[in-house]
Amino acid sequence: MTRQRVVRAAGVLVLVLALAACAAGPNTAAVADAPHVAGFWLGLWHGAISPITFVVSLFNSGVNIYEIHNNGGWYNFGFMLGASAALSGAGRSSAAAGPRSSRRSTRRGSSD
């Protein structure tokens, strides 16, 4: 193995460990009648880390993606904003590739 591959593998490992550290765990302090339930900001955070939390939840049954002890609409709104921000990266990447492909096609058309 070359030095570059070892450095790259170590970087990937550090990145995976850092992302796994963001995963939300069970909220043992929350009960149904508790005055402190998850609100907008916690919903936003849970939505933002939902892809990572989903992967962790596959291997750990104590990790949940969605906090069931929430205040309703505001938590849901925050969760959806966070999830849409976290999951919208793939859509933006195709938009960036669009102009390049159209330039290639016009360049090919002019050279033929």
N, C-alpha and C. Protein backbone atom coordinates (compact mmCIF):
# COMPACT_ATOMS: atom_id res chain seq x y z
N MET A 1 0.83 -1.18 0.00
CA MET A 1 0.00 0.00 0.00
C MET A 1 0.88 1.25 0.00
N THR A 2 0.52 2.18 -0.84
CA THR A 2 1.30 3.40 -0.90
C THR A 2 0.92 4.32 0.25
N ARG A 3 1.76 5.28 0.49
CA ARG A 3 1.52 6.23 1.58
C ARG A 3 0.24 7.03 1.33
N GLN A 4 -0.01 7.37 0.09
CA GLN A 4 -1.20 8.16 -0.23
C GLN A 4 -2.48 7.37 0.09
N ARG A 5 -2.50 6.09 -0.18
CA ARG A 5 -3.67 5.27 0.13
C ARG A 5 -3.88 5.14 1.63
N VAL A 6 -2.81 5.02 2.38
CA VAL A 6 -2.92 4.92 3.83
C VAL A 6 -3.48 6.22 4.40
N VAL A 7 -2.99 7.34 3.91
CA VAL A 7 -3.48 8.63 4.38
C VAL A 7 -4.95 8.80 4.00
N ARG A 8 -5.33 8.41 2.80
CA ARG A 8 -6.71 8.51 2.36
C ARG A 8 -7.62 7.61 3.20
N ALA A 9 -7.20 6.39 3.48
CA ALA A 9 -7.99 5.47 4.30
C ALA A 9 -8.14 6.00 5.72
N ALA A 10 -7.08 6.58 6.27
CA ALA A 10 -7.16 7.16 7.61
C ALA A 10 -8.10 8.36 7.62
N GLY A 11 -8.09 9.16 6.57
CA GLY A 11 -9.00 10.30 6.47
C GLY A 11 -10.45 9.87 6.41
N VAL A 12 -10.72 8.82 5.64
CA VAL A 12 -12.09 8.30 5.55
C VAL A 12 -12.54 7.77 6.90
N LEU A 13 -11.66 7.07 7.60
CA LEU A 13 -11.99 6.53 8.91
C LEU A 13 -12.30 7.65 9.90
N VAL A 14 -11.50 8.69 9.90
CA VAL A 14 -11.74 9.84 10.79
C VAL A 14 -13.06 10.51 10.45
N LEU A 15 -13.36 10.65 9.16
CA LEU A 15 -14.62 11.26 8.74
C LEU A 15 -15.82 10.43 9.18
N VAL A 16 -15.74 9.12 9.03
CA VAL A 16 -16.85 8.25 9.44
C VAL A 16 -17.05 8.32 10.94
N LEU A 17 -15.96 8.30 11.70
CA LEU A 17 -16.08 8.39 13.16
C LEU A 17 -16.66 9.74 13.59
N ALA A 18 -16.26 10.81 12.93
CA ALA A 18 -16.79 12.13 13.27
C ALA A 18 -18.28 12.22 12.96
N LEU A 19 -18.70 11.65 11.83
CA LEU A 19 -20.12 11.68 11.49
C LEU A 19 -20.94 10.80 12.43
N ALA A 20 -20.39 9.67 12.84
CA ALA A 20 -21.10 8.79 13.76
C ALA A 20 -21.26 9.44 15.13
N ALA A 21 -20.35 10.30 15.51
CA ALA A 21 -20.45 10.98 16.79
C ALA A 21 -21.61 11.97 16.83
N CYS A 22 -22.11 12.37 15.68
CA CYS A 22 -23.23 13.32 15.62
C CYS A 22 -24.58 12.66 15.81
N ALA A 23 -24.64 11.35 15.76
CA ALA A 23 -25.93 10.65 15.79
C ALA A 23 -26.64 10.85 17.11
N ALA A 24 -27.94 11.07 17.02
CA ALA A 24 -28.74 11.24 18.22
C ALA A 24 -29.02 9.90 18.86
N GLY A 25 -29.00 9.86 20.15
CA GLY A 25 -29.28 8.64 20.89
C GLY A 25 -30.66 8.71 21.52
N PRO A 26 -30.99 7.73 22.34
CA PRO A 26 -32.30 7.76 22.99
C PRO A 26 -32.36 8.88 24.02
N ASN A 27 -33.52 9.45 24.16
CA ASN A 27 -33.72 10.52 25.13
C ASN A 27 -34.38 9.93 26.36
N THR A 28 -33.56 9.47 27.30
CA THR A 28 -34.10 8.81 28.49
C THR A 28 -34.71 9.81 29.46
N ALA A 29 -34.38 11.09 29.35
CA ALA A 29 -34.91 12.09 30.27
C ALA A 29 -36.32 12.53 29.88
N ALA A 30 -36.71 12.31 28.64
CA ALA A 30 -38.02 12.78 28.18
C ALA A 30 -39.10 11.76 28.53
N VAL A 31 -40.15 12.24 29.11
CA VAL A 31 -41.34 11.43 29.36
C VAL A 31 -42.52 12.19 28.79
N ALA A 32 -43.64 11.53 28.66
CA ALA A 32 -44.78 12.14 27.98
C ALA A 32 -45.27 13.42 28.66
N ASP A 33 -45.18 13.52 29.98
CA ASP A 33 -45.68 14.69 30.70
C ASP A 33 -44.58 15.68 31.04
N ALA A 34 -43.40 15.53 30.47
CA ALA A 34 -42.28 16.39 30.81
C ALA A 34 -42.49 17.80 30.25
N PRO A 35 -42.05 18.82 30.99
CA PRO A 35 -42.19 20.19 30.48
C PRO A 35 -41.19 20.51 29.37
N HIS A 36 -40.13 19.76 29.27
CA HIS A 36 -39.10 20.01 28.27
C HIS A 36 -39.19 18.96 27.17
N VAL A 37 -39.91 19.29 26.13
CA VAL A 37 -40.01 18.40 24.98
C VAL A 37 -39.26 19.02 23.82
N ALA A 38 -38.97 18.21 22.83
CA ALA A 38 -38.21 18.68 21.67
C ALA A 38 -39.01 19.71 20.90
N GLY A 39 -38.36 20.81 20.56
CA GLY A 39 -39.00 21.89 19.82
C GLY A 39 -38.37 22.07 18.45
N PHE A 40 -38.50 23.28 17.92
CA PHE A 40 -38.03 23.58 16.57
C PHE A 40 -36.54 23.34 16.40
N TRP A 41 -35.71 23.86 17.30
CA TRP A 41 -34.25 23.77 17.14
C TRP A 41 -33.76 22.34 17.23
N LEU A 42 -34.33 21.56 18.12
CA LEU A 42 -33.93 20.15 18.20
C LEU A 42 -34.43 19.38 16.99
N GLY A 43 -35.59 19.75 16.47
CA GLY A 43 -36.09 19.15 15.23
C GLY A 43 -35.19 19.46 14.05
N LEU A 44 -34.72 20.71 13.99
CA LEU A 44 -33.80 21.10 12.93
C LEU A 44 -32.51 20.27 13.00
N TRP A 45 -31.99 20.11 14.20
CA TRP A 45 -30.76 19.32 14.39
C TRP A 45 -30.99 17.86 14.03
N HIS A 46 -32.09 17.28 14.51
CA HIS A 46 -32.37 15.87 14.21
C HIS A 46 -32.57 15.65 12.71
N GLY A 47 -33.18 16.60 12.03
CA GLY A 47 -33.33 16.49 10.58
C GLY A 47 -32.01 16.57 9.86
N ALA A 48 -31.13 17.46 10.33
CA ALA A 48 -29.83 17.62 9.68
C ALA A 48 -28.96 16.38 9.82
N ILE A 49 -29.06 15.69 10.94
CA ILE A 49 -28.21 14.51 11.14
C ILE A 49 -28.95 13.21 10.84
N SER A 50 -30.16 13.31 10.26
CA SER A 50 -30.96 12.11 10.01
C SER A 50 -30.29 11.07 9.10
N PRO A 51 -29.54 11.43 8.05
CA PRO A 51 -28.88 10.38 7.27
C PRO A 51 -27.87 9.58 8.09
N ILE A 52 -27.13 10.27 8.93
CA ILE A 52 -26.14 9.59 9.78
C ILE A 52 -26.85 8.75 10.83
N THR A 53 -27.88 9.32 11.44
CA THR A 53 -28.63 8.61 12.47
C THR A 53 -29.29 7.37 11.90
N PHE A 54 -29.75 7.44 10.67
CA PHE A 54 -30.37 6.27 10.05
C PHE A 54 -29.38 5.12 9.95
N VAL A 55 -28.18 5.40 9.49
CA VAL A 55 -27.17 4.35 9.36
C VAL A 55 -26.84 3.76 10.74
N VAL A 56 -26.68 4.62 11.74
CA VAL A 56 -26.37 4.13 13.08
C VAL A 56 -27.53 3.31 13.63
N SER A 57 -28.78 3.71 13.34
CA SER A 57 -29.94 2.99 13.86
C SER A 57 -30.06 1.58 13.28
N LEU A 58 -29.42 1.33 12.16
CA LEU A 58 -29.44 -0.02 11.59
C LEU A 58 -28.66 -1.00 12.45
N PHE A 59 -27.66 -0.51 13.16
CA PHE A 59 -26.80 -1.36 13.97
C PHE A 59 -27.04 -1.23 15.47
N ASN A 60 -27.77 -0.21 15.90
CA ASN A 60 -28.01 0.02 17.32
C ASN A 60 -29.50 0.30 17.53
N SER A 61 -30.18 -0.60 18.22
CA SER A 61 -31.63 -0.45 18.38
C SER A 61 -31.99 0.67 19.36
N GLY A 62 -31.02 1.19 20.10
CA GLY A 62 -31.30 2.27 21.04
C GLY A 62 -31.25 3.65 20.42
N VAL A 63 -30.93 3.75 19.13
CA VAL A 63 -30.82 5.04 18.45
C VAL A 63 -32.07 5.25 17.60
N ASN A 64 -32.70 6.41 17.77
CA ASN A 64 -33.91 6.76 17.03
C ASN A 64 -33.65 7.95 16.12
N ILE A 65 -34.30 7.97 14.98
CA ILE A 65 -34.14 9.08 14.04
C ILE A 65 -35.02 10.25 14.47
N TYR A 66 -36.21 9.97 14.95
CA TYR A 66 -37.23 10.99 15.21
C TYR A 66 -37.56 10.97 16.70
N GLU A 67 -37.56 12.13 17.32
CA GLU A 67 -37.90 12.24 18.75
C GLU A 67 -39.42 12.21 18.90
N ILE A 68 -39.93 11.20 19.59
CA ILE A 68 -41.38 11.08 19.72
C ILE A 68 -41.95 12.04 20.76
N HIS A 69 -41.13 12.52 21.69
CA HIS A 69 -41.58 13.48 22.70
C HIS A 69 -41.28 14.89 22.18
N ASN A 70 -42.13 15.37 21.30
CA ASN A 70 -41.91 16.69 20.69
C ASN A 70 -43.14 17.55 20.86
N ASN A 71 -43.02 18.81 20.48
CA ASN A 71 -44.13 19.74 20.66
C ASN A 71 -45.04 19.83 19.43
N GLY A 72 -44.90 18.93 18.50
CA GLY A 72 -45.82 18.87 17.37
C GLY A 72 -45.32 19.57 16.13
N GLY A 73 -46.07 20.56 15.69
CA GLY A 73 -45.82 21.22 14.41
C GLY A 73 -44.45 21.87 14.29
N TRP A 74 -44.01 22.55 15.34
CA TRP A 74 -42.71 23.23 15.24
C TRP A 74 -41.56 22.24 15.15
N TYR A 75 -41.64 21.13 15.89
CA TYR A 75 -40.60 20.11 15.77
C TYR A 75 -40.60 19.52 14.36
N ASN A 76 -41.78 19.21 13.86
CA ASN A 76 -41.89 18.63 12.51
C ASN A 76 -41.35 19.59 11.45
N PHE A 77 -41.66 20.88 11.59
CA PHE A 77 -41.17 21.88 10.66
C PHE A 77 -39.65 21.95 10.69
N GLY A 78 -39.07 21.98 11.87
CA GLY A 78 -37.61 21.99 12.00
C GLY A 78 -36.98 20.73 11.44
N PHE A 79 -37.62 19.60 11.71
CA PHE A 79 -37.09 18.33 11.21
C PHE A 79 -37.08 18.32 9.69
N MET A 80 -38.16 18.78 9.07
CA MET A 80 -38.23 18.80 7.61
C MET A 80 -37.22 19.77 7.01
N LEU A 81 -37.03 20.93 7.62
CA LEU A 81 -36.02 21.87 7.13
C LEU A 81 -34.63 21.26 7.22
N GLY A 82 -34.32 20.63 8.36
CA GLY A 82 -33.00 20.02 8.53
C GLY A 82 -32.78 18.87 7.58
N ALA A 83 -33.79 18.03 7.42
CA ALA A 83 -33.66 16.88 6.51
C ALA A 83 -33.52 17.34 5.06
N SER A 84 -34.27 18.35 4.67
CA SER A 84 -34.16 18.83 3.29
C SER A 84 -32.81 19.47 3.03
N ALA A 85 -32.26 20.15 4.02
CA ALA A 85 -30.92 20.73 3.85
C ALA A 85 -29.86 19.65 3.76
N ALA A 86 -30.01 18.60 4.57
CA ALA A 86 -29.02 17.53 4.57
C ALA A 86 -29.10 16.67 3.31
N LEU A 87 -30.28 16.50 2.77
CA LEU A 87 -30.46 15.59 1.64
C LEU A 87 -30.51 16.29 0.28
N SER A 88 -30.35 17.60 0.23
CA SER A 88 -30.46 18.31 -1.04
C SER A 88 -29.14 18.41 -1.79
N GLY A 89 -28.07 17.86 -1.30
CA GLY A 89 -26.77 17.96 -1.96
C GLY A 89 -26.74 17.30 -3.32
N ALA A 90 -27.42 16.19 -3.50
CA ALA A 90 -27.41 15.48 -4.78
C ALA A 90 -28.11 16.29 -5.86
N GLY A 91 -29.17 17.00 -5.51
CA GLY A 91 -29.89 17.81 -6.49
C GLY A 91 -29.06 18.97 -6.99
N ARG A 92 -28.31 19.60 -6.11
CA ARG A 92 -27.49 20.73 -6.51
C ARG A 92 -26.32 20.29 -7.38
N SER A 93 -25.82 19.10 -7.19
CA SER A 93 -24.67 18.66 -7.98
C SER A 93 -25.06 18.45 -9.45
N SER A 94 -26.27 17.99 -9.71
CA SER A 94 -26.69 17.82 -11.10
C SER A 94 -26.92 19.16 -11.78
N ALA A 95 -27.34 20.15 -11.02
CA ALA A 95 -27.54 21.48 -11.60
C ALA A 95 -26.22 22.09 -12.02
N ALA A 96 -25.18 21.82 -11.26
CA ALA A 96 -23.86 22.35 -11.61
C ALA A 96 -23.30 21.67 -12.86
N ALA A 97 -23.68 20.43 -13.09
CA ALA A 97 -23.16 19.71 -14.25
C ALA A 97 -23.91 20.09 -15.53
N GLY A 98 -25.09 20.66 -15.41
CA GLY A 98 -25.90 21.00 -16.57
C GLY A 98 -25.23 21.94 -17.56
N PRO A 99 -24.74 23.09 -17.13
CA PRO A 99 -24.13 24.01 -18.08
C PRO A 99 -22.89 23.44 -18.77
N ARG A 100 -22.12 22.64 -18.07
CA ARG A 100 -20.94 22.05 -18.71
C ARG A 100 -21.32 21.12 -19.84
N SER A 101 -22.35 20.30 -19.63
CA SER A 101 -22.74 19.36 -20.68
C SER A 101 -23.32 20.10 -21.89
N SER A 102 -24.02 21.23 -21.65
CA SER A 102 -24.58 21.97 -22.78
C SER A 102 -23.46 22.67 -23.58
N ARG A 103 -22.41 23.11 -22.89
CA ARG A 103 -21.29 23.72 -23.60
C ARG A 103 -20.59 22.68 -24.48
N ARG A 104 -20.49 21.47 -23.99
CA ARG A 104 -19.86 20.41 -24.78
C ARG A 104 -20.65 20.12 -26.03
N SER A 105 -21.98 20.08 -25.88
CA SER A 105 -22.79 19.75 -27.05
C SER A 105 -22.73 20.86 -28.09
N THR A 106 -22.67 22.13 -27.66
CA THR A 106 -22.57 23.21 -28.65
C THR A 106 -21.19 23.23 -29.28
N ARG A 107 -20.17 22.85 -28.51
CA ARG A 107 -18.83 22.81 -29.06
C ARG A 107 -18.72 21.68 -30.10
N ARG A 108 -19.35 20.56 -29.79
CA ARG A 108 -19.32 19.45 -30.75
C ARG A 108 -20.09 19.80 -32.02
N GLY A 109 -21.22 20.49 -31.83
CA GLY A 109 -22.03 20.86 -32.99
C GLY A 109 -21.29 21.85 -33.91
N SER A 110 -20.49 22.73 -33.35
CA SER A 110 -19.81 23.72 -34.18
C SER A 110 -18.60 23.12 -34.89
N SER A 111 -18.04 22.04 -34.33
CA SER A 111 -16.85 21.47 -34.94
C SER A 111 -17.19 20.44 -36.02
N ASP A 112 -18.46 19.98 -36.03
CA ASP A 112 -18.84 18.96 -37.02
C ASP A 112 -19.07 19.56 -38.38
